[in-house]
C-alpha atoms as a PDB file:
ATOM      1  CA  MET A   1       0.049   0.036   0.392  1.00  0.00           C
ATOM      2  CA  ILE A   2       1.164   3.590  -0.493  1.00  0.00           C
ATOM      3  CA  VAL A   3      -0.476   6.796   0.680  1.00  0.00           C
ATOM      4  CA  TYR A   4      -1.546   9.406  -0.963  1.00  0.00           C
ATOM      5  CA  GLU A   5      -2.094  12.582   0.923  1.00  0.00           C
ATOM      6  CA  VAL A   6      -3.892  15.834   0.580  1.00  0.00           C
ATOM      7  CA  ASN A   7      -3.522  18.402   3.056  1.00  0.00           C
ATOM      8  CA  LEU A   8      -5.628  21.541   2.965  1.00  0.00           C
ATOM      9  CA  GLU A   9      -5.971  25.265   3.732  1.00  0.00           C
ATOM     10  CA  ILE A  10      -9.370  26.672   3.689  1.00  0.00           C
ATOM     11  CA  ASP A  11     -11.193  29.653   4.696  1.00  0.00           C
ATOM     12  CA  ALA A  12     -13.162  29.237   7.904  1.00  0.00           C
ATOM     13  CA  ALA A  13     -15.994  31.177   5.928  1.00  0.00           C
ATOM     14  CA  LEU A  14     -16.779  27.890   3.776  1.00  0.00           C
ATOM     15  CA  ARG A  15     -15.836  25.203   5.950  1.00  0.00           C
ATOM     16  CA  ASP A  16     -20.260  24.702   6.926  1.00  0.00           C
ATOM     17  CA  ALA A  17     -20.172  24.524   3.303  1.00  0.00           C
ATOM     18  CA  TYR A  18     -16.596  22.669   3.207  1.00  0.00           C
ATOM     19  CA  LEU A  19     -16.627  19.320   4.995  1.00  0.00           C
ATOM     20  CA  PRO A  20     -19.879  18.029   4.061  1.00  0.00           C
ATOM     21  CA  TRP A  21     -18.421  18.781   0.398  1.00  0.00           C
ATOM     22  CA  LEU A  22     -14.808  17.031   0.878  1.00  0.00           C
ATOM     23  CA  GLN A  23     -16.580  14.113   2.644  1.00  0.00           C
ATOM     24  CA  ALA A  24     -18.648  13.342  -0.537  1.00  0.00           C
ATOM     25  CA  HIS A  25     -15.652  13.648  -2.944  1.00  0.00           C
ATOM     26  CA  VAL A  26     -13.824  10.933  -0.239  1.00  0.00           C
ATOM     27  CA  ALA A  27     -16.311   8.727  -0.638  1.00  0.00           C
ATOM     28  CA  GLU A  28     -16.519   8.864  -4.066  1.00  0.00           C
ATOM     29  CA  MET A  29     -12.503   8.858  -4.524  1.00  0.00           C
ATOM     30  CA  LEU A  30     -12.877   5.429  -2.581  1.00  0.00           C
ATOM     31  CA  ARG A  31     -14.661   3.999  -6.146  1.00  0.00           C
ATOM     32  CA  PHE A  32     -11.770   4.385  -8.272  1.00  0.00           C
ATOM     33  CA  ASP A  33      -9.861   1.504  -8.676  1.00  0.00           C
ATOM     34  CA  GLY A  34      -7.203  -0.128  -5.543  1.00  0.00           C
ATOM     35  CA  PHE A  35      -8.073   3.312  -3.149  1.00  0.00           C
ATOM     36  CA  ALA A  36      -8.914   0.988  -0.210  1.00  0.00           C
ATOM     37  CA  ALA A  37      -9.491   3.507   2.623  1.00  0.00           C
ATOM     38  CA  ALA A  38      -9.270   7.295   3.928  1.00  0.00           C
ATOM     39  CA  THR A  39      -9.217   9.359   6.742  1.00  0.00           C
ATOM     40  CA  ILE A  40     -10.050  12.901   6.986  1.00  0.00           C
ATOM     41  CA  GLU A  41      -7.740  14.470   9.783  1.00  0.00           C
ATOM     42  CA  HIS A  42      -7.883  18.145  11.181  1.00  0.00           C
ATOM     43  CA  VAL A  43      -4.354  19.552  11.097  1.00  0.00           C
ATOM     44  CA  VAL A  44      -2.897  20.630  14.650  1.00  0.00           C
ATOM     45  CA  ASP A  45       0.783  21.757  14.270  1.00  0.00           C
ATOM     46  CA  PRO A  46       1.254  24.054  12.005  1.00  0.00           C
ATOM     47  CA  ALA A  47      -1.312  26.116  12.347  1.00  0.00           C
ATOM     48  CA  PRO A  48      -2.682  27.378   9.329  1.00  0.00           C
ATOM     49  CA  ALA A  49      -3.006  31.124   8.522  1.00  0.00           C
ATOM     50  CA  ALA A  50      -5.549  33.025  10.495  1.00  0.00           C
ATOM     51  CA  GLY A  51      -8.497  32.906   9.146  1.00  0.00           C
ATOM     52  CA  ARG A  52      -8.449  29.655   7.736  1.00  0.00           C
ATOM     53  CA  PHE A  53      -8.415  26.048   8.442  1.00  0.00           C
ATOM     54  CA  ALA A  54      -6.755  22.863   7.321  1.00  0.00           C
ATOM     55  CA  LEU A  55      -7.015  18.902   7.046  1.00  0.00           C
ATOM     56  CA  CYS A  56      -5.159  16.154   5.667  1.00  0.00           C
ATOM     57  CA  VAL A  57      -6.783  13.417   3.345  1.00  0.00           C
ATOM     58  CA  ARG A  58      -4.715  10.387   3.461  1.00  0.00           C
ATOM     59  CA  TYR A  59      -5.827   8.042   1.336  1.00  0.00           C
ATOM     60  CA  ARG A  60      -4.292   4.464   1.005  1.00  0.00           C
ATOM     61  CA  VAL A  61      -4.162   2.901  -1.958  1.00  0.00           C
ATOM     62  CA  ARG A  62      -2.651  -0.773  -3.420  1.00  0.00           C
ATOM     63  CA  ASP A  63      -0.201   0.018  -5.729  1.00  0.00           C
ATOM     64  CA  GLN A  64       1.629   2.452  -7.672  1.00  0.00           C
ATOM     65  CA  ALA A  65      -0.295   1.459 -10.973  1.00  0.00           C
ATOM     66  CA  CYS A  66      -3.943   1.675  -8.851  1.00  0.00           C
ATOM     67  CA  LEU A  67      -2.249   5.767  -8.529  1.00  0.00           C
ATOM     68  CA  ASP A  68      -1.149   6.393 -11.890  1.00  0.00           C
ATOM     69  CA  ASP A  69      -4.320   5.361 -13.468  1.00  0.00           C
ATOM     70  CA  TYR A  70      -6.476   7.951 -10.521  1.00  0.00           C
ATOM     71  CA  PHE A  71      -3.911  10.431 -11.764  1.00  0.00           C
ATOM     72  CA  ALA A  72      -4.323   9.377 -15.889  1.00  0.00           C
ATOM     73  CA  ARG A  73      -8.181   9.504 -15.596  1.00  0.00           C
ATOM     74  CA  HIS A  74      -9.699  11.110 -13.146  1.00  0.00           C
ATOM     75  CA  SER A  75      -7.786  13.219 -11.124  1.00  0.00           C
ATOM     76  CA  ALA A  76      -8.267  16.483 -13.442  1.00  0.00           C
ATOM     77  CA  ARG A  77     -11.626  16.143 -13.332  1.00  0.00           C
ATOM     78  CA  MET A  78     -11.857  15.677  -8.873  1.00  0.00           C
ATOM     79  CA  ARG A  79      -9.887  18.636  -9.036  1.00  0.00           C
ATOM     80  CA  GLU A  80     -12.221  20.676 -10.813  1.00  0.00           C
ATOM     81  CA  ASP A  81     -14.948  20.339  -8.494  1.00  0.00           C
ATOM     82  CA  GLY A  82     -13.967  21.897  -5.576  1.00  0.00           C
ATOM     83  CA  ILE A  83     -12.236  24.471  -7.881  1.00  0.00           C
ATOM     84  CA  ALA A  84     -15.715  25.333  -9.277  1.00  0.00           C
ATOM     85  CA  ARG A  85     -17.901  25.185  -5.755  1.00  0.00           C
ATOM     86  CA  PHE A  86     -14.748  27.287  -3.601  1.00  0.00           C
ATOM     87  CA  GLY A  87     -12.954  28.908  -6.242  1.00  0.00           C
ATOM     88  CA  ASP A  88      -9.548  30.318  -4.585  1.00  0.00           C
ATOM     89  CA  GLY A  89     -11.161  29.414  -1.607  1.00  0.00           C
ATOM     90  CA  PHE A  90      -8.701  26.703  -0.593  1.00  0.00           C
ATOM     91  CA  SER A  91      -5.815  25.406  -1.691  1.00  0.00           C
ATOM     92  CA  ALA A  92      -4.078  22.067  -2.353  1.00  0.00           C
ATOM     93  CA  THR A  93      -0.364  20.301  -1.961  1.00  0.00           C
ATOM     94  CA  ARG A  94      -0.216  16.643  -2.282  1.00  0.00           C
ATOM     95  CA  ARG A  95       2.403  14.458  -1.471  1.00  0.00           C
ATOM     96  CA  VAL A  96       2.495   9.969  -2.464  1.00  0.00           C
ATOM     97  CA  LEU A  97       4.296   8.277   0.716  1.00  0.00           C
ATOM     98  CA  MET A  98       5.655   4.717  -0.081  1.00  0.00           C
ATOM     99  CA  PRO A  99       6.522   2.176   2.558  1.00  0.00           C
ATOM    100  CA  ILE A 100      10.050   1.679   3.179  1.00  0.00           C
ATOM    101  CA  ALA A 101      10.693  -2.425   2.612  1.00  0.00           C
ATOM    102  CA  ASP A 102      12.005  -4.568   5.083  1.00  0.00           C
ATOM    103  CA  ASN A 103      15.054  -6.076   5.228  1.00  0.00           C
END
């Protein structure tokens, strides 16, 4: 399993609209091949900028091939949905984390 991590900073005024949308977005992500689980966490440290709140979504993905398929076929649409709804009221950064093999 690998981890696909999305870090979000959202305007506090959007909180009541953003959280339910994010939960539905994550549920849709979990329907893609290889996306096995996800967690949504509040980021406590480092603290977000004033007037914003921060979240981290961590998806557990079966393998790189499944993640590559998501990037090639679905990521643009999934990202555009958030931008269409919330514009510049949020920002996102992403990371892919691979486990270190046991020796």
